[in-house]
Protein backbone atom coordinates (compact mmCIF):
# COMPACT_ATOMS: atom_id res chain seq x y z
CA MET A 1 63.98 -27.32 6.89
CA THR A 2 61.08 -25.20 5.83
CA SER A 3 57.93 -25.01 7.86
CA ALA A 4 54.54 -25.40 6.24
CA THR A 5 52.31 -22.36 6.33
CA SER A 6 48.54 -22.41 6.44
CA PRO A 7 46.89 -20.83 3.43
CA ARG A 8 45.30 -17.46 4.17
CA ARG A 9 41.52 -17.68 4.17
CA ALA A 10 40.06 -15.49 1.46
CA ARG A 11 37.74 -12.72 2.63
CA THR A 12 34.16 -13.31 1.56
CA PRO A 13 33.31 -10.62 -1.00
CA LEU A 14 30.84 -8.05 0.25
CA SER A 15 27.54 -8.08 -1.55
CA ARG A 16 25.04 -5.26 -1.85
CA ALA A 17 22.49 -7.35 0.05
CA THR A 18 24.94 -7.97 2.90
CA LEU A 19 25.69 -4.27 3.21
CA ILE A 20 22.00 -3.33 3.17
CA ALA A 21 21.30 -5.86 5.93
CA SER A 22 24.22 -4.55 7.97
CA ALA A 23 23.18 -0.92 7.50
CA THR A 24 19.63 -1.82 8.51
CA GLU A 25 20.93 -3.38 11.72
CA LEU A 26 22.95 -0.24 12.36
CA ALA A 27 19.89 1.96 11.89
CA ASP A 28 17.84 -0.28 14.17
CA SER A 29 20.38 -0.20 16.97
CA GLU A 30 21.88 3.29 16.75
CA GLY A 31 19.48 5.34 14.65
CA LEU A 32 19.60 6.52 11.07
CA GLN A 33 22.19 9.19 11.81
CA ALA A 34 24.69 6.41 12.55
CA VAL A 35 24.42 4.97 9.04
CA THR A 36 27.43 6.30 7.15
CA ILE A 37 29.80 4.89 4.56
CA ARG A 38 32.67 5.12 7.03
CA GLN A 39 30.77 3.37 9.83
CA LEU A 40 29.64 0.60 7.52
CA ALA A 41 33.19 0.08 6.28
CA HIS A 42 34.42 -0.08 9.89
CA ARG A 43 31.85 -2.76 10.75
CA HIS A 44 33.10 -4.95 7.91
CA GLY A 45 36.79 -4.21 8.31
CA VAL A 46 37.16 -2.75 4.85
CA THR A 47 37.99 0.62 3.36
CA ALA A 48 35.31 3.08 2.36
CA MET A 49 36.13 2.38 -1.29
CA ALA A 50 34.82 -1.17 -0.84
CA ILE A 51 31.43 0.30 0.10
CA TYR A 52 31.52 2.83 -2.74
CA ALA A 53 31.79 -0.09 -5.12
CA HIS A 54 28.12 -0.77 -4.28
CA PHE A 55 26.76 2.70 -3.46
CA ASP A 56 27.72 6.01 -5.03
CA ASP A 57 27.35 7.91 -1.76
CA LYS A 58 25.50 7.95 1.56
CA GLU A 59 22.25 9.06 -0.07
CA ALA A 60 22.35 6.08 -2.40
CA LEU A 61 22.89 3.80 0.59
CA LEU A 62 19.93 5.32 2.43
CA ASP A 63 17.76 5.02 -0.69
CA ALA A 64 18.65 1.34 -0.84
CA LEU A 65 17.54 0.90 2.78
CA GLY A 66 14.21 2.51 2.00
CA GLU A 67 13.69 0.32 -1.04
CA ALA A 68 14.60 -2.82 0.90
CA LEU A 69 12.00 -1.91 3.50
CA LEU A 70 9.39 -1.45 0.77
CA ASP A 71 10.39 -4.87 -0.59
CA SER A 72 9.40 -6.35 2.79
CA VAL A 73 5.78 -5.16 2.63
CA GLN A 74 3.56 -8.26 2.51
CA VAL A 75 0.15 -7.27 1.16
CA PRO A 76 -2.39 -10.07 1.79
CA ASP A 77 -4.73 -11.53 -0.80
CA LEU A 78 -7.34 -8.90 -1.64
CA THR A 79 -9.67 -10.96 -3.82
CA ALA A 80 -12.25 -11.72 -1.12
CA GLY A 81 -12.64 -8.42 0.74
CA ASP A 82 -14.59 -5.28 -0.08
CA SER A 83 -12.68 -2.14 -1.04
CA ARG A 84 -12.85 -0.57 2.42
CA THR A 85 -11.50 -3.73 4.07
CA ASN A 86 -8.85 -4.10 1.39
CA LEU A 87 -7.71 -0.50 1.80
CA GLY A 88 -7.23 -1.12 5.51
CA ALA A 89 -5.33 -4.34 4.74
CA VAL A 90 -2.90 -2.56 2.42
CA LEU A 91 -2.22 0.20 4.94
CA THR A 92 -1.84 -2.36 7.74
CA ALA A 93 0.73 -4.29 5.71
CA PHE A 94 2.68 -1.08 5.16
CA VAL A 95 2.52 -0.20 8.86
CA GLU A 96 3.74 -3.66 9.91
CA ALA A 97 6.75 -3.43 7.61
CA LEU A 98 7.68 0.05 8.84
CA ARG A 99 7.26 -0.86 12.51
CA ALA A 100 10.00 -3.47 12.11
CA HIS A 101 12.50 -0.72 11.20
CA PRO A 102 11.06 2.63 12.31
CA ALA A 103 14.30 4.56 11.89
CA ILE A 104 14.21 3.83 8.17
CA ALA A 105 10.48 4.57 7.74
CA PRO A 106 10.90 8.21 6.61
CA ILE A 107 13.10 7.18 3.69
CA THR A 108 10.35 5.07 2.12
CA ALA A 109 8.25 8.14 1.32
CA ARG A 110 10.73 9.31 -1.33
CA ARG A 111 11.32 5.84 -2.79
CA ILE A 112 7.77 4.57 -3.31
CA LEU A 113 7.63 5.52 -6.99
CA GLU A 114 11.32 4.71 -7.56
CA CYS A 115 11.25 0.93 -7.08
CA ASP A 116 9.07 -1.97 -8.21
CA SER A 117 7.77 -2.88 -4.76
CA GLY A 118 6.81 0.71 -4.04
CA ILE A 119 5.00 1.02 -7.36
CA ASP A 120 3.16 -2.24 -6.61
CA LEU A 121 2.07 -0.78 -3.26
CA ALA A 122 0.85 2.40 -4.96
CA GLU A 123 -1.05 0.31 -7.50
CA GLN A 124 -2.84 -1.59 -4.74
CA LEU A 125 -3.86 1.64 -3.05
CA LEU A 126 -5.02 3.29 -6.26
CA ALA A 127 -7.12 0.24 -7.15
CA GLN A 128 -8.95 0.33 -3.84
CA LEU A 129 -9.43 4.09 -3.92
CA THR A 130 -10.82 3.92 -7.46
CA ALA A 131 -13.29 1.25 -6.33
CA LEU A 132 -14.32 3.54 -3.46
CA GLY A 133 -15.32 6.25 -5.92
CA HIS A 134 -12.19 8.38 -6.21
CA PRO A 135 -11.59 9.69 -9.74
CA SER A 136 -8.06 9.25 -11.03
CA GLY A 137 -6.65 12.60 -9.93
CA LEU A 138 -8.21 12.42 -6.48
CA ALA A 139 -7.10 8.80 -6.05
CA ALA A 140 -3.50 9.82 -6.76
CA ALA A 141 -3.64 12.64 -4.22
CA THR A 142 -5.36 10.49 -1.61
CA SER A 143 -2.85 7.67 -2.04
CA HIS A 144 -0.10 10.20 -1.31
CA TYR A 145 -1.92 11.38 1.82
CA LEU A 146 -2.38 7.80 3.00
CA LEU A 147 1.19 6.68 2.42
CA SER A 148 2.55 9.84 4.04
CA GLY A 149 0.13 9.33 6.92
CA VAL A 150 1.38 5.80 7.56
CA VAL A 151 5.02 6.95 7.52
CA ALA A 152 4.15 9.73 9.97
CA LEU A 153 2.31 7.31 12.27
CA VAL A 154 5.44 5.20 12.62
CA ALA A 155 8.08 7.92 12.60
CA SER A 156 6.14 10.08 15.09
CA GLU A 157 4.91 7.38 17.45
CA PRO A 158 4.63 9.12 20.86
CA GLY A 159 7.74 8.56 22.95
CA ARG A 160 9.90 7.31 20.09
CA SER A 161 13.56 8.16 20.50
CA CYS A 162 15.90 8.96 17.62
CA ILE A 163 17.93 5.96 18.85
CA PRO A 164 15.38 3.10 18.80
CA HIS A 165 16.97 0.77 21.35
CA ASP A 166 18.22 3.41 23.77
CA ILE A 167 15.68 2.49 26.45
CA GLU A 168 17.15 4.75 29.11
CA GLY A 169 17.34 7.68 26.74
CA GLN A 170 13.79 7.07 25.54
CA GLU A 171 12.43 6.97 29.09
CA GLN A 172 14.25 10.20 29.92
CA LEU A 173 12.83 11.81 26.80
CA ILE A 174 9.32 10.78 27.77
CA ARG A 175 9.74 12.09 31.32
CA SER A 176 11.10 15.44 30.20
CA ARG A 177 8.41 15.95 27.56
CA ARG A 178 5.63 14.99 29.96
CA ALA A 179 7.03 17.25 32.69
CA ARG A 180 7.09 20.18 30.27
CA LEU A 181 3.46 19.67 29.30
CA LEU A 182 2.32 19.19 32.88
CA ALA A 183 4.02 22.48 33.77
CA LEU A 184 1.87 24.43 31.30
CA ALA A 185 -0.76 26.77 32.69
CA PRO A 186 -3.95 24.66 32.88
CA GLU A 187 -6.18 27.69 32.35
CA ARG A 188 -4.53 28.29 28.96
CA HIS A 189 -3.88 24.68 27.84
CA PRO A 190 -6.31 22.51 29.84
CA HIS A 191 -6.59 19.80 27.19
CA VAL A 192 -2.86 19.53 26.57
CA VAL A 193 -2.22 19.21 30.30
CA ALA A 194 -4.94 16.56 30.65
CA ALA A 195 -3.47 14.58 27.73
CA ALA A 196 0.19 14.98 28.78
CA THR A 197 0.78 11.25 29.22
CA PRO A 198 -0.77 9.92 25.98
CA LEU A 199 0.82 12.78 24.04
CA THR A 200 4.30 11.75 25.15
CA MET A 201 4.16 7.95 25.31
CA CYS A 202 2.44 5.13 23.47
CA ALA A 203 0.91 2.85 26.10
CA ASN A 204 -0.49 0.38 23.56
CA PRO A 205 1.15 0.52 20.11
CA ASP A 206 -1.31 -1.96 18.58
CA ILE A 207 -4.26 0.25 19.50
CA TYR A 208 -2.38 3.37 18.41
CA TYR A 209 -1.76 1.94 14.94
CA ALA A 210 -5.21 0.40 14.58
CA GLN A 211 -6.84 3.73 15.38
CA GLY A 212 -4.50 5.56 13.03
CA ILE A 213 -5.34 3.22 10.15
CA GLU A 214 -9.06 3.48 10.93
CA LEU A 215 -8.81 7.27 10.78
CA LEU A 216 -7.04 7.14 7.42
CA VAL A 217 -9.49 4.62 5.96
CA ASN A 218 -12.56 6.49 7.22
CA GLY A 219 -11.27 9.73 5.74
CA ALA A 220 -10.52 8.14 2.37
CA CYS A 221 -13.93 6.46 2.24
CA ALA A 222 -15.78 9.63 3.19
CA LEU A 223 -13.90 11.59 0.56
CA GLY A 224 -14.80 9.04 -2.10
CA GLN A 225 -18.48 9.09 -1.13
CA SER A 226 -18.60 12.87 -1.39
CA ARG A 227 -17.71 12.80 -5.08
């Protein structure tokens, strides 16, 4: 008498989108340095060759993460606002997208002109800068400064750890950095010593980002008016 056997459930094929989502989760939880072909394969219980079917190498995987993050930028309707307000709205939308996945933020800088969503973002910025009085060449340079500035705001937020959700490690990092600054000779670095806490931790991220965007917008507007 033969016994019936249950059919083996077929493994769901891995898609590029699934792998990008998984790699994004890995970057969020363990930092960008943890995102490797081997680690991604391990998470899905497959061989590295299964991942290489979608990405040529690690750099291609990281580029895909950056482009996916750019795809998530939600620029609001700009038809009603003036150019200064609209410029701030575009930068704010970029900041909000990057804040959701700060470990991936630095990758977006090199992918902006390599994917449709990045080019759309650049177009929005250039349109507002042109309306603010920037000639074409200056608008291009200023858009680069602004986009790089936003990436730096997120990637260099005071107190940010290389492992985003390592709370204990982040607190230790903040304490050690603050202690080092407080130990400086006040007669030589009085302002650094006085600002030791805000230099090493971000007490209010919303204010930090709002002020950063205001600084970028004010600079861009002033530059346009000087031409």
